[in-house]
N, C-alpha and C. Protein backbone atom coordinates (compact mmCIF):
# COMPACT_ATOMS: atom_id res chain seq x y z
N MET A 1 75.33 106.37 58.94
CA MET A 1 76.08 106.13 60.15
C MET A 1 77.50 106.66 59.97
N ALA A 2 77.99 107.38 60.99
CA ALA A 2 79.33 107.96 60.92
C ALA A 2 80.39 106.86 61.04
N ASN A 3 81.49 107.07 60.37
CA ASN A 3 82.61 106.14 60.43
C ASN A 3 83.41 106.44 61.70
N THR A 4 83.47 105.50 62.62
CA THR A 4 84.16 105.68 63.90
C THR A 4 85.47 104.93 63.88
N THR A 5 86.53 105.59 64.32
CA THR A 5 87.84 104.98 64.39
C THR A 5 88.05 104.38 65.77
N VAL A 6 88.44 103.11 65.79
CA VAL A 6 88.77 102.43 67.04
C VAL A 6 90.18 101.86 66.90
N VAL A 7 91.04 102.20 67.86
CA VAL A 7 92.40 101.69 67.89
C VAL A 7 92.47 100.67 69.02
N HIS A 8 92.98 99.49 68.71
CA HIS A 8 93.17 98.44 69.72
C HIS A 8 94.65 98.41 70.10
N SER A 9 94.90 98.27 71.40
CA SER A 9 96.28 98.27 71.85
C SER A 9 96.42 97.42 73.11
N THR A 10 97.54 96.73 73.21
CA THR A 10 97.89 95.97 74.41
C THR A 10 99.31 96.33 74.79
N PHE A 11 99.52 96.54 76.08
CA PHE A 11 100.88 96.73 76.57
C PHE A 11 101.03 96.01 77.90
N VAL A 12 102.28 95.71 78.24
CA VAL A 12 102.61 95.07 79.50
C VAL A 12 103.67 95.93 80.18
N LEU A 13 103.42 96.25 81.45
CA LEU A 13 104.40 96.98 82.26
C LEU A 13 104.76 96.10 83.44
N GLU A 14 106.04 96.06 83.78
CA GLU A 14 106.48 95.35 84.98
C GLU A 14 107.24 96.33 85.85
N ARG A 15 107.00 96.22 87.13
CA ARG A 15 107.66 97.10 88.09
C ARG A 15 108.01 96.27 89.33
N ASN A 16 109.23 96.43 89.81
CA ASN A 16 109.66 95.72 91.01
C ASN A 16 109.53 96.63 92.23
N TYR A 17 109.04 96.06 93.31
CA TYR A 17 108.91 96.77 94.58
C TYR A 17 109.59 95.94 95.66
N PRO A 18 110.26 96.58 96.62
CA PRO A 18 110.95 95.82 97.66
C PRO A 18 110.00 95.21 98.71
N GLN A 19 108.73 95.56 98.68
CA GLN A 19 107.76 95.04 99.63
C GLN A 19 107.19 93.71 99.14
N PRO A 20 106.74 92.85 100.08
CA PRO A 20 106.17 91.55 99.68
C PRO A 20 104.81 91.72 98.99
N PRO A 21 104.37 90.70 98.24
CA PRO A 21 103.10 90.79 97.50
C PRO A 21 101.91 91.23 98.36
N GLU A 22 101.86 90.80 99.62
CA GLU A 22 100.73 91.16 100.48
C GLU A 22 100.62 92.68 100.64
N ARG A 23 101.76 93.35 100.79
CA ARG A 23 101.74 94.82 100.96
C ARG A 23 101.38 95.53 99.67
N VAL A 24 101.90 95.04 98.55
CA VAL A 24 101.60 95.68 97.26
C VAL A 24 100.12 95.46 96.94
N PHE A 25 99.63 94.26 97.12
CA PHE A 25 98.22 93.94 96.88
C PHE A 25 97.32 94.83 97.75
N ALA A 26 97.69 95.02 99.01
CA ALA A 26 96.88 95.83 99.93
C ALA A 26 96.73 97.27 99.44
N ALA A 27 97.72 97.78 98.74
CA ALA A 27 97.64 99.15 98.21
C ALA A 27 96.59 99.26 97.10
N PHE A 28 96.21 98.15 96.50
CA PHE A 28 95.13 98.11 95.52
C PHE A 28 93.79 97.83 96.18
N ALA A 29 93.80 97.09 97.28
CA ALA A 29 92.57 96.60 97.90
C ALA A 29 91.96 97.55 98.92
N GLN A 30 92.75 98.41 99.53
CA GLN A 30 92.26 99.31 100.57
C GLN A 30 91.92 100.67 99.97
N PRO A 31 90.63 101.07 100.00
CA PRO A 31 90.20 102.30 99.33
C PRO A 31 91.00 103.55 99.67
N ALA A 32 91.30 103.80 100.93
CA ALA A 32 92.02 105.02 101.30
C ALA A 32 93.42 105.03 100.71
N ARG A 33 94.08 103.88 100.74
CA ARG A 33 95.42 103.80 100.17
C ARG A 33 95.40 103.94 98.66
N LYS A 34 94.46 103.26 97.99
CA LYS A 34 94.40 103.36 96.53
C LYS A 34 94.08 104.78 96.10
N ARG A 35 93.19 105.44 96.82
CA ARG A 35 92.85 106.82 96.48
C ARG A 35 94.11 107.70 96.48
N ARG A 36 94.99 107.51 97.48
CA ARG A 36 96.19 108.36 97.57
C ARG A 36 97.09 108.22 96.35
N TRP A 37 97.40 106.98 95.94
CA TRP A 37 98.36 106.84 94.85
C TRP A 37 97.70 106.85 93.48
N TYR A 38 96.45 106.47 93.40
CA TYR A 38 95.77 106.32 92.11
C TYR A 38 94.94 107.56 91.72
N ALA A 39 94.22 108.12 92.66
CA ALA A 39 93.24 109.16 92.32
C ALA A 39 93.75 110.59 92.54
N GLU A 40 94.56 110.81 93.56
CA GLU A 40 94.98 112.18 93.85
C GLU A 40 96.06 112.60 92.86
N GLY A 41 96.09 113.89 92.54
CA GLY A 41 97.07 114.36 91.57
C GLY A 41 96.74 115.76 91.08
N ASP A 42 97.00 116.01 89.79
CA ASP A 42 96.83 117.34 89.20
C ASP A 42 95.40 117.59 88.72
N HIS A 43 94.44 117.08 89.46
CA HIS A 43 93.04 117.25 89.10
C HIS A 43 92.20 117.35 90.37
N GLU A 44 90.99 117.76 90.20
CA GLU A 44 90.05 117.88 91.32
C GLU A 44 89.16 116.65 91.35
N ILE A 45 89.23 115.89 92.44
CA ILE A 45 88.42 114.68 92.58
C ILE A 45 86.99 115.07 92.91
N GLN A 46 86.06 114.59 92.11
CA GLN A 46 84.65 114.81 92.37
C GLN A 46 84.00 113.61 93.03
N GLU A 47 84.56 112.41 92.75
CA GLU A 47 84.03 111.19 93.34
C GLU A 47 85.08 110.09 93.25
N PHE A 48 85.21 109.33 94.34
CA PHE A 48 86.04 108.13 94.33
C PHE A 48 85.38 107.13 95.27
N GLU A 49 84.88 106.05 94.71
CA GLU A 49 84.25 104.99 95.48
C GLU A 49 84.77 103.67 94.97
N MET A 50 85.01 102.74 95.89
CA MET A 50 85.39 101.41 95.44
C MET A 50 84.86 100.36 96.40
N GLU A 51 84.40 99.28 95.79
CA GLU A 51 83.92 98.11 96.53
C GLU A 51 84.77 96.94 96.04
N PHE A 52 85.82 96.65 96.80
CA PHE A 52 86.83 95.69 96.36
C PHE A 52 86.35 94.26 96.64
N ARG A 53 85.69 93.70 95.63
CA ARG A 53 85.22 92.31 95.67
C ARG A 53 84.89 91.94 94.23
N VAL A 54 84.87 90.64 93.92
CA VAL A 54 84.48 90.21 92.57
C VAL A 54 83.05 90.70 92.32
N GLY A 55 82.86 91.38 91.22
CA GLY A 55 81.56 91.98 90.90
C GLY A 55 81.40 93.38 91.45
N GLY A 56 82.32 93.81 92.31
CA GLY A 56 82.26 95.14 92.90
C GLY A 56 82.69 96.20 91.90
N SER A 57 82.35 97.43 92.19
CA SER A 57 82.65 98.51 91.25
C SER A 57 83.62 99.52 91.85
N GLU A 58 84.22 100.27 90.96
CA GLU A 58 85.07 101.40 91.32
C GLU A 58 84.63 102.56 90.43
N ARG A 59 84.32 103.70 91.06
CA ARG A 59 83.91 104.89 90.32
C ARG A 59 84.85 106.03 90.69
N PHE A 60 85.38 106.68 89.65
CA PHE A 60 86.33 107.76 89.85
C PHE A 60 85.98 108.86 88.86
N ARG A 61 85.64 110.04 89.39
CA ARG A 61 85.29 111.18 88.55
C ARG A 61 86.14 112.37 88.97
N TYR A 62 86.66 113.07 87.96
CA TYR A 62 87.51 114.22 88.25
C TYR A 62 87.55 115.18 87.08
N CYS A 63 88.05 116.39 87.35
CA CYS A 63 88.31 117.35 86.27
C CYS A 63 89.70 117.93 86.50
N PHE A 64 90.33 118.31 85.41
CA PHE A 64 91.68 118.85 85.50
C PHE A 64 91.65 120.31 85.95
N LYS A 65 92.66 120.67 86.71
CA LYS A 65 92.76 122.03 87.26
C LYS A 65 93.24 123.00 86.20
N PRO A 66 93.01 124.31 86.43
CA PRO A 66 93.51 125.33 85.49
C PRO A 66 95.00 125.16 85.24
N GLY A 67 95.39 125.39 83.99
CA GLY A 67 96.78 125.23 83.59
C GLY A 67 97.04 123.92 82.86
N HIS A 68 96.17 122.93 83.07
CA HIS A 68 96.29 121.66 82.36
C HIS A 68 95.75 121.85 80.95
N PRO A 69 96.32 121.17 79.93
CA PRO A 69 95.84 121.35 78.54
C PRO A 69 94.34 121.12 78.35
N ILE A 70 93.73 120.26 79.17
CA ILE A 70 92.28 120.06 79.03
C ILE A 70 91.56 120.45 80.34
N ALA A 71 92.00 121.59 80.90
CA ALA A 71 91.42 122.10 82.15
C ALA A 71 89.90 122.20 82.03
N GLY A 72 89.21 121.78 83.08
CA GLY A 72 87.76 121.85 83.12
C GLY A 72 87.07 120.64 82.51
N SER A 73 87.79 119.83 81.76
CA SER A 73 87.19 118.64 81.17
C SER A 73 86.86 117.62 82.26
N GLN A 74 85.74 116.95 82.10
CA GLN A 74 85.27 115.95 83.06
C GLN A 74 85.70 114.56 82.60
N ILE A 75 86.36 113.82 83.49
CA ILE A 75 86.76 112.45 83.22
C ILE A 75 85.97 111.54 84.15
N ALA A 76 85.42 110.46 83.61
CA ALA A 76 84.70 109.47 84.41
C ALA A 76 85.28 108.09 84.12
N ASN A 77 85.67 107.39 85.17
CA ASN A 77 86.14 106.01 85.06
C ASN A 77 85.17 105.12 85.83
N ASP A 78 84.61 104.14 85.16
CA ASP A 78 83.72 103.16 85.78
C ASP A 78 84.32 101.79 85.57
N SER A 79 84.61 101.10 86.67
CA SER A 79 85.29 99.81 86.60
C SER A 79 84.52 98.75 87.37
N THR A 80 84.75 97.49 86.97
CA THR A 80 84.18 96.34 87.67
C THR A 80 85.30 95.33 87.91
N TYR A 81 85.37 94.83 89.14
CA TYR A 81 86.34 93.79 89.47
C TYR A 81 85.80 92.45 88.98
N GLN A 82 86.51 91.84 88.03
CA GLN A 82 86.06 90.60 87.42
C GLN A 82 86.63 89.36 88.12
N ASP A 83 87.85 89.48 88.66
CA ASP A 83 88.51 88.35 89.31
C ASP A 83 89.50 88.90 90.33
N ILE A 84 89.50 88.31 91.52
CA ILE A 84 90.44 88.69 92.56
C ILE A 84 90.95 87.41 93.21
N GLU A 85 92.25 87.24 93.21
CA GLU A 85 92.91 86.17 93.94
C GLU A 85 93.85 86.87 94.91
N PRO A 86 93.49 86.92 96.21
CA PRO A 86 94.27 87.72 97.16
C PRO A 86 95.78 87.49 97.07
N ASN A 87 96.48 88.62 97.01
CA ASN A 87 97.95 88.66 96.98
C ASN A 87 98.56 88.08 95.71
N GLN A 88 97.71 87.74 94.72
CA GLN A 88 98.20 87.15 93.48
C GLN A 88 97.74 87.87 92.22
N ARG A 89 96.43 88.25 92.17
CA ARG A 89 95.90 88.73 90.89
C ARG A 89 94.65 89.57 91.10
N ILE A 90 94.51 90.60 90.24
CA ILE A 90 93.28 91.39 90.12
C ILE A 90 93.02 91.55 88.63
N VAL A 91 91.80 91.25 88.20
CA VAL A 91 91.40 91.49 86.81
C VAL A 91 90.18 92.40 86.86
N MET A 92 90.27 93.51 86.11
CA MET A 92 89.15 94.45 86.10
C MET A 92 88.90 94.98 84.69
N THR A 93 87.65 95.35 84.46
CA THR A 93 87.28 96.02 83.22
C THR A 93 86.90 97.45 83.56
N SER A 94 87.17 98.36 82.62
CA SER A 94 86.92 99.78 82.88
C SER A 94 86.47 100.48 81.61
N LYS A 95 85.70 101.54 81.83
CA LYS A 95 85.32 102.44 80.74
C LYS A 95 85.68 103.85 81.19
N MET A 96 86.38 104.58 80.31
CA MET A 96 86.72 105.97 80.59
C MET A 96 85.97 106.86 79.60
N ALA A 97 85.35 107.90 80.16
CA ALA A 97 84.63 108.86 79.32
C ALA A 97 85.19 110.26 79.54
N LEU A 98 85.23 111.04 78.47
CA LEU A 98 85.65 112.44 78.52
C LEU A 98 84.43 113.28 78.18
N ASN A 99 84.00 114.10 79.13
CA ASN A 99 82.82 114.94 78.95
C ASN A 99 81.61 114.13 78.47
N GLY A 100 81.44 112.94 79.03
CA GLY A 100 80.29 112.10 78.74
C GLY A 100 80.43 111.18 77.54
N LYS A 101 81.53 111.28 76.78
CA LYS A 101 81.73 110.45 75.59
C LYS A 101 82.77 109.38 75.89
N THR A 102 82.43 108.11 75.66
CA THR A 102 83.37 107.01 75.88
C THR A 102 84.58 107.18 74.98
N ILE A 103 85.77 107.11 75.59
CA ILE A 103 87.00 107.21 74.80
C ILE A 103 87.84 105.94 74.86
N VAL A 104 87.62 105.10 75.89
CA VAL A 104 88.36 103.85 75.94
C VAL A 104 87.62 102.85 76.83
N VAL A 105 87.65 101.60 76.40
CA VAL A 105 87.15 100.48 77.20
C VAL A 105 88.35 99.56 77.38
N MET A 106 88.61 99.16 78.65
CA MET A 106 89.85 98.47 78.97
C MET A 106 89.64 97.19 79.77
N LEU A 107 90.60 96.30 79.63
CA LEU A 107 90.74 95.12 80.48
C LEU A 107 92.14 95.21 81.06
N ALA A 108 92.24 95.19 82.39
CA ALA A 108 93.55 95.27 83.05
C ALA A 108 93.72 94.08 83.98
N THR A 109 94.88 93.44 83.88
CA THR A 109 95.23 92.32 84.76
C THR A 109 96.49 92.71 85.52
N PHE A 110 96.41 92.67 86.83
CA PHE A 110 97.53 92.96 87.71
C PHE A 110 97.96 91.65 88.36
N GLU A 111 99.22 91.27 88.18
CA GLU A 111 99.74 90.05 88.79
C GLU A 111 100.83 90.44 89.78
N PHE A 112 100.74 89.89 90.99
CA PHE A 112 101.65 90.19 92.08
C PHE A 112 102.55 88.95 92.26
N LEU A 113 103.76 89.02 91.75
CA LEU A 113 104.65 87.87 91.70
C LEU A 113 105.77 88.02 92.72
N SER A 114 105.98 87.00 93.54
CA SER A 114 107.07 87.03 94.51
C SER A 114 108.40 87.13 93.78
N ALA A 115 109.26 88.00 94.29
CA ALA A 115 110.59 88.18 93.71
C ALA A 115 111.56 88.35 94.88
N GLY A 116 112.03 87.24 95.41
CA GLY A 116 112.86 87.29 96.62
C GLY A 116 112.01 87.76 97.78
N THR A 117 112.43 88.85 98.42
CA THR A 117 111.63 89.41 99.51
C THR A 117 110.67 90.49 99.01
N GLY A 118 110.69 90.76 97.72
CA GLY A 118 109.86 91.80 97.14
C GLY A 118 108.80 91.26 96.20
N THR A 119 108.34 92.14 95.32
CA THR A 119 107.26 91.82 94.40
C THR A 119 107.56 92.37 93.01
N THR A 120 107.27 91.57 92.00
CA THR A 120 107.21 92.08 90.63
C THR A 120 105.73 92.23 90.32
N LEU A 121 105.32 93.44 90.03
CA LEU A 121 103.95 93.71 89.61
C LEU A 121 103.94 93.71 88.08
N ALA A 122 103.13 92.83 87.50
CA ALA A 122 102.98 92.79 86.04
C ALA A 122 101.58 93.26 85.69
N LEU A 123 101.51 94.34 84.93
CA LEU A 123 100.23 94.89 84.46
C LEU A 123 100.11 94.60 82.97
N THR A 124 99.06 93.86 82.60
CA THR A 124 98.73 93.67 81.18
C THR A 124 97.48 94.47 80.93
N HIS A 125 97.58 95.42 80.00
CA HIS A 125 96.49 96.37 79.74
C HIS A 125 96.06 96.25 78.28
N GLN A 126 94.79 95.95 78.07
CA GLN A 126 94.24 95.84 76.72
C GLN A 126 93.14 96.89 76.59
N GLY A 127 93.16 97.63 75.49
CA GLY A 127 92.17 98.69 75.34
C GLY A 127 91.66 98.84 73.93
N ALA A 128 90.42 99.32 73.85
CA ALA A 128 89.80 99.75 72.59
C ALA A 128 89.58 101.25 72.73
N TYR A 129 90.31 102.06 71.96
CA TYR A 129 90.30 103.51 72.07
C TYR A 129 89.42 104.08 70.96
N VAL A 130 88.34 104.72 71.36
CA VAL A 130 87.34 105.22 70.41
C VAL A 130 87.64 106.67 70.08
N GLU A 131 87.94 106.93 68.81
CA GLU A 131 88.23 108.30 68.35
C GLU A 131 89.32 108.95 69.19
N TRP A 132 90.30 108.17 69.61
CA TRP A 132 91.40 108.68 70.44
C TRP A 132 92.70 108.00 70.02
N PRO A 133 93.24 108.38 68.86
CA PRO A 133 94.42 107.70 68.34
C PRO A 133 95.66 107.83 69.24
N ASP A 134 95.75 108.89 70.03
CA ASP A 134 96.88 109.07 70.94
C ASP A 134 96.65 108.36 72.28
N GLY A 135 95.49 107.77 72.46
CA GLY A 135 95.12 107.15 73.72
C GLY A 135 96.07 106.09 74.24
N PRO A 136 96.48 105.12 73.39
CA PRO A 136 97.36 104.07 73.92
C PRO A 136 98.64 104.61 74.57
N GLY A 137 99.28 105.54 73.92
CA GLY A 137 100.50 106.12 74.48
C GLY A 137 100.23 106.91 75.75
N MET A 138 99.12 107.63 75.77
CA MET A 138 98.79 108.43 76.95
C MET A 138 98.44 107.54 78.14
N ILE A 139 97.68 106.48 77.90
CA ILE A 139 97.32 105.57 78.99
C ILE A 139 98.55 104.84 79.52
N GLN A 140 99.43 104.41 78.62
CA GLN A 140 100.65 103.74 79.06
C GLN A 140 101.51 104.70 79.90
N ALA A 141 101.68 105.92 79.45
CA ALA A 141 102.45 106.91 80.22
C ALA A 141 101.77 107.17 81.57
N GLY A 142 100.44 107.22 81.57
CA GLY A 142 99.72 107.42 82.82
C GLY A 142 99.97 106.29 83.80
N TRP A 143 99.96 105.05 83.31
CA TRP A 143 100.20 103.91 84.20
C TRP A 143 101.65 103.90 84.70
N ARG A 144 102.59 104.29 83.87
CA ARG A 144 103.99 104.37 84.35
C ARG A 144 104.07 105.35 85.52
N SER A 145 103.43 106.48 85.39
CA SER A 145 103.41 107.48 86.45
C SER A 145 102.70 106.94 87.70
N LEU A 146 101.58 106.25 87.50
CA LEU A 146 100.85 105.70 88.64
C LEU A 146 101.67 104.64 89.37
N LEU A 147 102.41 103.82 88.65
CA LEU A 147 103.23 102.80 89.30
C LEU A 147 104.38 103.43 90.09
N GLU A 148 104.83 104.60 89.65
CA GLU A 148 105.82 105.34 90.43
C GLU A 148 105.18 105.91 91.69
N ARG A 149 103.97 106.42 91.56
CA ARG A 149 103.24 106.93 92.73
C ARG A 149 102.98 105.79 93.72
N LEU A 150 102.70 104.59 93.20
CA LEU A 150 102.51 103.42 94.06
C LEU A 150 103.80 103.14 94.84
N ALA A 151 104.94 103.25 94.19
CA ALA A 151 106.23 103.04 94.88
C ALA A 151 106.37 104.01 96.05
N ASN A 152 105.99 105.26 95.84
CA ASN A 152 106.05 106.25 96.91
C ASN A 152 105.10 105.90 98.04
N GLU A 153 103.89 105.46 97.71
CA GLU A 153 102.90 105.06 98.72
C GLU A 153 103.43 103.89 99.54
N LEU A 154 104.01 102.91 98.88
CA LEU A 154 104.54 101.74 99.58
C LEU A 154 105.70 102.11 100.49
N ALA A 155 106.53 103.04 100.05
CA ALA A 155 107.69 103.46 100.86
C ALA A 155 107.25 104.20 102.12
N GLN A 156 106.09 104.87 102.07
CA GLN A 156 105.62 105.66 103.21
C GLN A 156 104.76 104.86 104.17
N SER A 157 104.21 103.73 103.73
CA SER A 157 103.30 102.99 104.61
C SER A 157 103.94 101.77 105.23
């Protein structure tokens, strides 16, 4: 049996938004809105489906466009919503695969906390990165970028 390296990592990101928790939560719960800030970007979307309910799934498949360091590579994210408390919390588990090989299995908790008239979004992300030692830093940087994209989505809607 081959020796497989698994790196475990946990990080917490907090981001403040001037919108109330209901508006920030809605950007996670409404498929069209989540697709805009979460799925669209420097890659070609092949599939994006989400069923926002406890036990529901989210499927996101894409490949990077020419010019990207891993252009043509296929990424698959399969997630399940484990817990949803409207306007307060979302807990989901996810598996990400690169060209059919699992590279990370994750647990993500999103907490929507009232902060005056706005919201503090707290993301706690726990992952097991399989044969991907740079994964924790890349996923954290990816989430920082996504939370910025979320800010833009909230400002426009």
